[in-house]
Amino acid sequence: MQRRLCSAILFLQAVVLGLTTPVLVHADDLSTTQGLVIGLGLCVACLLVAGMLRARWAYVLGWLIQAGALALGAFTPVMIVLGVIFAALWFAAYRLGATIDRDKAAAVPADGASD
């Protein structure tokens, strides 16, 4: 469940980052190329990491994507708000998914055990 929830958050975040790329392109502090590379790079990173969440280390990359999205606030202030929202959603998906997985594992009786 953790993988599903976190993957869903990363897919939604990829859409938002893709839609904010034109805003980054028109930011005063960035060139067009830099805006495209940063915006679309984070968008593609979200999609790639969403597919890699079978590995535990991919969750670390997910946290790094959240930090990167927050850092976009240096160029586009609205990204601070969106970064905080997605970081909170990522945290909730990470914790809630782990709790659900742990509870499901505890509810399954051990092999050979009878009621």
N, C-alpha and C. Protein backbone atom coordinates (compact mmCIF):
# COMPACT_ATOMS: atom_id res chain seq x y z
N MET A 1 0.82 -1.19 0.00
CA MET A 1 0.00 0.00 0.00
C MET A 1 0.87 1.26 0.00
N GLN A 2 1.99 1.21 0.72
CA GLN A 2 2.87 2.37 0.77
C GLN A 2 3.35 2.72 -0.64
N ARG A 3 3.72 1.71 -1.39
CA ARG A 3 4.21 1.95 -2.75
C ARG A 3 3.11 2.57 -3.60
N ARG A 4 1.89 2.08 -3.47
CA ARG A 4 0.78 2.62 -4.26
C ARG A 4 0.49 4.08 -3.92
N LEU A 5 0.43 4.37 -2.63
CA LEU A 5 0.13 5.74 -2.22
C LEU A 5 1.23 6.71 -2.64
N CYS A 6 2.47 6.34 -2.39
CA CYS A 6 3.58 7.23 -2.75
C CYS A 6 3.69 7.38 -4.27
N SER A 7 3.43 6.31 -4.99
CA SER A 7 3.44 6.39 -6.44
C SER A 7 2.37 7.35 -6.95
N ALA A 8 1.20 7.29 -6.36
CA ALA A 8 0.12 8.19 -6.77
C ALA A 8 0.50 9.65 -6.52
N ILE A 9 1.12 9.91 -5.39
CA ILE A 9 1.55 11.28 -5.08
C ILE A 9 2.58 11.76 -6.11
N LEU A 10 3.53 10.89 -6.45
CA LEU A 10 4.56 11.29 -7.42
C LEU A 10 3.96 11.52 -8.81
N PHE A 11 2.96 10.72 -9.20
CA PHE A 11 2.30 10.96 -10.48
C PHE A 11 1.58 12.29 -10.49
N LEU A 12 0.86 12.60 -9.43
CA LEU A 12 0.19 13.90 -9.34
C LEU A 12 1.19 15.05 -9.34
N GLN A 13 2.29 14.84 -8.63
CA GLN A 13 3.32 15.87 -8.57
C GLN A 13 3.97 16.07 -9.94
N ALA A 14 4.11 15.00 -10.70
CA ALA A 14 4.67 15.12 -12.05
C ALA A 14 3.78 15.99 -12.92
N VAL A 15 2.48 15.84 -12.80
CA VAL A 15 1.54 16.67 -13.57
C VAL A 15 1.69 18.14 -13.17
N VAL A 16 1.74 18.39 -11.88
CA VAL A 16 1.86 19.77 -11.39
C VAL A 16 3.19 20.38 -11.84
N LEU A 17 4.27 19.62 -11.73
CA LEU A 17 5.57 20.14 -12.15
C LEU A 17 5.62 20.38 -13.65
N GLY A 18 4.96 19.52 -14.41
CA GLY A 18 4.89 19.74 -15.85
C GLY A 18 4.14 21.02 -16.18
N LEU A 19 3.07 21.28 -15.41
CA LEU A 19 2.28 22.49 -15.65
C LEU A 19 2.96 23.76 -15.14
N THR A 20 3.87 23.63 -14.20
CA THR A 20 4.58 24.81 -13.71
C THR A 20 5.84 25.11 -14.52
N THR A 21 6.21 24.22 -15.43
CA THR A 21 7.40 24.46 -16.25
C THR A 21 7.29 25.75 -17.07
N PRO A 22 6.15 26.05 -17.71
CA PRO A 22 6.06 27.34 -18.42
C PRO A 22 6.27 28.55 -17.51
N VAL A 23 5.84 28.43 -16.26
CA VAL A 23 6.06 29.53 -15.32
C VAL A 23 7.55 29.68 -15.04
N LEU A 24 8.25 28.55 -14.90
CA LEU A 24 9.70 28.60 -14.68
C LEU A 24 10.43 29.18 -15.89
N VAL A 25 9.94 28.86 -17.08
CA VAL A 25 10.57 29.37 -18.30
C VAL A 25 10.51 30.90 -18.33
N HIS A 26 9.44 31.46 -17.79
CA HIS A 26 9.29 32.92 -17.80
C HIS A 26 9.81 33.59 -16.54
N ALA A 27 10.42 32.83 -15.65
CA ALA A 27 10.98 33.43 -14.43
C ALA A 27 12.18 34.29 -14.80
N ASP A 28 12.33 35.42 -14.13
CA ASP A 28 13.39 36.37 -14.44
C ASP A 28 14.77 35.81 -14.15
N ASP A 29 14.89 34.95 -13.15
CA ASP A 29 16.19 34.46 -12.73
C ASP A 29 16.72 33.30 -13.57
N LEU A 30 15.88 32.73 -14.43
CA LEU A 30 16.26 31.55 -15.20
C LEU A 30 16.18 31.82 -16.69
N SER A 31 17.07 31.18 -17.43
CA SER A 31 16.95 31.20 -18.88
C SER A 31 15.88 30.18 -19.29
N THR A 32 15.47 30.22 -20.53
CA THR A 32 14.47 29.27 -21.01
C THR A 32 14.97 27.84 -20.86
N THR A 33 16.22 27.62 -21.21
CA THR A 33 16.79 26.27 -21.12
C THR A 33 16.83 25.79 -19.68
N GLN A 34 17.24 26.65 -18.77
CA GLN A 34 17.29 26.27 -17.35
C GLN A 34 15.90 25.95 -16.82
N GLY A 35 14.91 26.75 -17.17
CA GLY A 35 13.54 26.50 -16.74
C GLY A 35 13.01 25.18 -17.25
N LEU A 36 13.29 24.88 -18.52
CA LEU A 36 12.85 23.61 -19.09
C LEU A 36 13.55 22.42 -18.43
N VAL A 37 14.85 22.55 -18.25
CA VAL A 37 15.60 21.44 -17.66
C VAL A 37 15.15 21.18 -16.22
N ILE A 38 14.98 22.22 -15.45
CA ILE A 38 14.59 22.05 -14.05
C ILE A 38 13.16 21.53 -13.96
N GLY A 39 12.23 22.18 -14.63
CA GLY A 39 10.82 21.79 -14.54
C GLY A 39 10.55 20.41 -15.09
N LEU A 40 10.99 20.17 -16.33
CA LEU A 40 10.76 18.87 -16.94
C LEU A 40 11.63 17.79 -16.32
N GLY A 41 12.81 18.18 -15.83
CA GLY A 41 13.68 17.21 -15.16
C GLY A 41 13.04 16.67 -13.90
N LEU A 42 12.47 17.55 -13.08
CA LEU A 42 11.76 17.09 -11.88
C LEU A 42 10.51 16.30 -12.24
N CYS A 43 9.84 16.70 -13.30
CA CYS A 43 8.65 15.97 -13.76
C CYS A 43 9.03 14.54 -14.14
N VAL A 44 10.05 14.38 -14.94
CA VAL A 44 10.51 13.05 -15.35
C VAL A 44 11.04 12.27 -14.15
N ALA A 45 11.73 12.95 -13.24
CA ALA A 45 12.24 12.27 -12.04
C ALA A 45 11.09 11.69 -11.22
N CYS A 46 9.99 12.44 -11.11
CA CYS A 46 8.82 11.92 -10.39
C CYS A 46 8.32 10.64 -11.02
N LEU A 47 8.22 10.63 -12.34
CA LEU A 47 7.71 9.45 -13.03
C LEU A 47 8.66 8.26 -12.89
N LEU A 48 9.95 8.52 -13.01
CA LEU A 48 10.93 7.43 -12.88
C LEU A 48 10.95 6.85 -11.47
N VAL A 49 10.95 7.72 -10.48
CA VAL A 49 11.00 7.26 -9.09
C VAL A 49 9.72 6.52 -8.73
N ALA A 50 8.58 6.97 -9.26
CA ALA A 50 7.32 6.28 -9.00
C ALA A 50 7.39 4.83 -9.46
N GLY A 51 8.12 4.58 -10.54
CA GLY A 51 8.28 3.23 -11.03
C GLY A 51 9.33 2.42 -10.29
N MET A 52 10.18 3.08 -9.53
CA MET A 52 11.25 2.40 -8.80
C MET A 52 10.94 2.15 -7.33
N LEU A 53 9.74 2.44 -6.89
CA LEU A 53 9.43 2.38 -5.47
C LEU A 53 9.42 0.96 -4.89
N ARG A 54 9.71 -0.03 -5.70
CA ARG A 54 9.87 -1.38 -5.14
C ARG A 54 11.12 -1.47 -4.29
N ALA A 55 12.09 -0.63 -4.62
CA ALA A 55 13.35 -0.60 -3.86
C ALA A 55 13.23 0.44 -2.74
N ARG A 56 13.73 0.11 -1.58
CA ARG A 56 13.66 1.02 -0.42
C ARG A 56 14.40 2.33 -0.68
N TRP A 57 15.51 2.28 -1.41
CA TRP A 57 16.30 3.48 -1.65
C TRP A 57 15.55 4.48 -2.52
N ALA A 58 14.55 4.06 -3.26
CA ALA A 58 13.79 4.97 -4.11
C ALA A 58 12.97 5.97 -3.27
N TYR A 59 12.63 5.56 -2.06
CA TYR A 59 11.89 6.49 -1.18
C TYR A 59 12.78 7.67 -0.80
N VAL A 60 14.08 7.43 -0.68
CA VAL A 60 15.02 8.53 -0.42
C VAL A 60 14.99 9.50 -1.60
N LEU A 61 14.95 8.97 -2.81
CA LEU A 61 14.86 9.83 -3.99
C LEU A 61 13.54 10.63 -3.98
N GLY A 62 12.48 9.99 -3.49
CA GLY A 62 11.21 10.70 -3.37
C GLY A 62 11.31 11.89 -2.43
N TRP A 63 12.02 11.69 -1.30
CA TRP A 63 12.24 12.81 -0.37
C TRP A 63 13.09 13.90 -1.03
N LEU A 64 14.06 13.51 -1.85
CA LEU A 64 14.89 14.50 -2.55
C LEU A 64 14.07 15.29 -3.57
N ILE A 65 13.13 14.62 -4.21
CA ILE A 65 12.24 15.33 -5.14
C ILE A 65 11.40 16.35 -4.38
N GLN A 66 10.95 16.00 -3.18
CA GLN A 66 10.18 16.96 -2.39
C GLN A 66 11.04 18.17 -2.05
N ALA A 67 12.29 17.93 -1.70
CA ALA A 67 13.20 19.05 -1.41
C ALA A 67 13.43 19.90 -2.65
N GLY A 68 13.56 19.24 -3.80
CA GLY A 68 13.75 19.98 -5.05
C GLY A 68 12.54 20.83 -5.41
N ALA A 69 11.36 20.28 -5.17
CA ALA A 69 10.14 21.05 -5.45
C ALA A 69 10.04 22.26 -4.53
N LEU A 70 10.43 22.08 -3.27
CA LEU A 70 10.45 23.23 -2.35
C LEU A 70 11.48 24.26 -2.79
N ALA A 71 12.61 23.80 -3.29
CA ALA A 71 13.67 24.71 -3.73
C ALA A 71 13.24 25.54 -4.94
N LEU A 72 12.28 25.07 -5.70
CA LEU A 72 11.77 25.86 -6.82
C LEU A 72 11.14 27.16 -6.35
N GLY A 73 10.80 27.22 -5.08
CA GLY A 73 10.25 28.45 -4.52
C GLY A 73 11.20 29.63 -4.61
N ALA A 74 12.49 29.35 -4.79
CA ALA A 74 13.47 30.43 -4.96
C ALA A 74 13.25 31.16 -6.28
N PHE A 75 12.66 30.46 -7.26
CA PHE A 75 12.43 31.06 -8.58
C PHE A 75 10.98 31.47 -8.78
N THR A 76 10.08 30.71 -8.19
CA THR A 76 8.65 30.96 -8.32
C THR A 76 8.01 30.79 -6.95
N PRO A 77 7.67 31.89 -6.29
CA PRO A 77 7.18 31.80 -4.91
C PRO A 77 5.99 30.86 -4.70
N VAL A 78 5.11 30.71 -5.69
CA VAL A 78 3.97 29.82 -5.51
C VAL A 78 4.43 28.38 -5.32
N MET A 79 5.63 28.05 -5.78
CA MET A 79 6.13 26.69 -5.62
C MET A 79 6.45 26.36 -4.16
N ILE A 80 6.63 27.37 -3.35
CA ILE A 80 6.80 27.10 -1.91
C ILE A 80 5.52 26.48 -1.36
N VAL A 81 4.39 27.06 -1.73
CA VAL A 81 3.10 26.54 -1.28
C VAL A 81 2.87 25.14 -1.83
N LEU A 82 3.07 24.98 -3.13
CA LEU A 82 2.86 23.67 -3.74
C LEU A 82 3.87 22.65 -3.20
N GLY A 83 5.09 23.08 -2.96
CA GLY A 83 6.10 22.18 -2.41
C GLY A 83 5.73 21.70 -1.02
N VAL A 84 5.21 22.60 -0.20
CA VAL A 84 4.78 22.22 1.15
C VAL A 84 3.60 21.26 1.08
N ILE A 85 2.66 21.53 0.19
CA ILE A 85 1.49 20.66 0.05
C ILE A 85 1.92 19.26 -0.37
N PHE A 86 2.78 19.17 -1.39
CA PHE A 86 3.20 17.85 -1.86
C PHE A 86 4.12 17.15 -0.87
N ALA A 87 4.93 17.90 -0.15
CA ALA A 87 5.76 17.28 0.90
C ALA A 87 4.87 16.70 1.99
N ALA A 88 3.82 17.41 2.35
CA ALA A 88 2.89 16.89 3.36
C ALA A 88 2.15 15.66 2.84
N LEU A 89 1.73 15.69 1.58
CA LEU A 89 1.07 14.52 0.99
C LEU A 89 2.03 13.33 0.92
N TRP A 90 3.28 13.58 0.54
CA TRP A 90 4.29 12.52 0.48
C TRP A 90 4.51 11.92 1.86
N PHE A 91 4.64 12.77 2.87
CA PHE A 91 4.83 12.31 4.25
C PHE A 91 3.65 11.45 4.69
N ALA A 92 2.43 11.94 4.41
CA ALA A 92 1.23 11.20 4.81
C ALA A 92 1.15 9.85 4.09
N ALA A 93 1.44 9.84 2.79
CA ALA A 93 1.41 8.59 2.03
C ALA A 93 2.48 7.62 2.54
N TYR A 94 3.64 8.15 2.84
CA TYR A 94 4.75 7.32 3.33
C TYR A 94 4.39 6.68 4.67
N ARG A 95 3.91 7.50 5.60
CA ARG A 95 3.59 6.99 6.95
C ARG A 95 2.34 6.12 6.94
N LEU A 96 1.28 6.59 6.32
CA LEU A 96 0.03 5.85 6.30
C LEU A 96 0.19 4.52 5.56
N GLY A 97 0.89 4.56 4.43
CA GLY A 97 1.13 3.33 3.68
C GLY A 97 1.92 2.32 4.48
N ALA A 98 2.94 2.77 5.20
CA ALA A 98 3.73 1.87 6.03
C ALA A 98 2.88 1.29 7.15
N THR A 99 2.03 2.10 7.74
CA THR A 99 1.15 1.62 8.81
C THR A 99 0.17 0.57 8.29
N ILE A 100 -0.42 0.83 7.14
CA ILE A 100 -1.35 -0.13 6.55
C ILE A 100 -0.63 -1.44 6.22
N ASP A 101 0.55 -1.34 5.62
CA ASP A 101 1.32 -2.55 5.29
C ASP A 101 1.66 -3.34 6.54
N ARG A 102 2.06 -2.65 7.58
CA ARG A 102 2.43 -3.31 8.84
C ARG A 102 1.20 -3.99 9.47
N ASP A 103 0.06 -3.30 9.47
CA ASP A 103 -1.16 -3.86 10.03
C ASP A 103 -1.65 -5.07 9.23
N LYS A 104 -1.55 -4.99 7.91
CA LYS A 104 -1.94 -6.12 7.07
C LYS A 104 -1.05 -7.33 7.33
N ALA A 105 0.25 -7.08 7.49
CA ALA A 105 1.18 -8.17 7.76
C ALA A 105 0.90 -8.81 9.12
N ALA A 106 0.53 -8.00 10.10
CA ALA A 106 0.25 -8.52 11.43
C ALA A 106 -1.08 -9.29 11.46
N ALA A 107 -1.99 -8.94 10.57
CA ALA A 107 -3.29 -9.60 10.55
C ALA A 107 -3.24 -10.96 9.89
N VAL A 108 -2.26 -11.21 9.06
CA VAL A 108 -2.13 -12.50 8.39
C VAL A 108 -1.56 -13.50 9.39
N PRO A 109 -2.26 -14.61 9.62
CA PRO A 109 -1.75 -15.59 10.57
C PRO A 109 -0.47 -16.24 10.05
N ALA A 110 0.37 -16.64 10.96
CA ALA A 110 1.62 -17.28 10.59
C ALA A 110 1.32 -18.61 9.90
N ASP A 111 2.23 -19.05 9.01
CA ASP A 111 2.04 -20.32 8.31
C ASP A 111 1.91 -21.47 9.30
N GLY A 112 0.89 -22.28 9.10
CA GLY A 112 0.69 -23.44 9.95
C GLY A 112 -0.08 -23.16 11.22
N ALA A 113 -0.36 -21.89 11.48
CA ALA A 113 -1.11 -21.56 12.70
C ALA A 113 -2.59 -21.77 12.43
N SER A 114 -3.30 -22.29 13.40
CA SER A 114 -4.74 -22.47 13.22
C SER A 114 -5.46 -21.70 14.32
N ASP A 115 -6.68 -21.30 13.99
CA ASP A 115 -7.49 -20.54 14.96
C ASP A 115 -8.23 -21.46 15.88
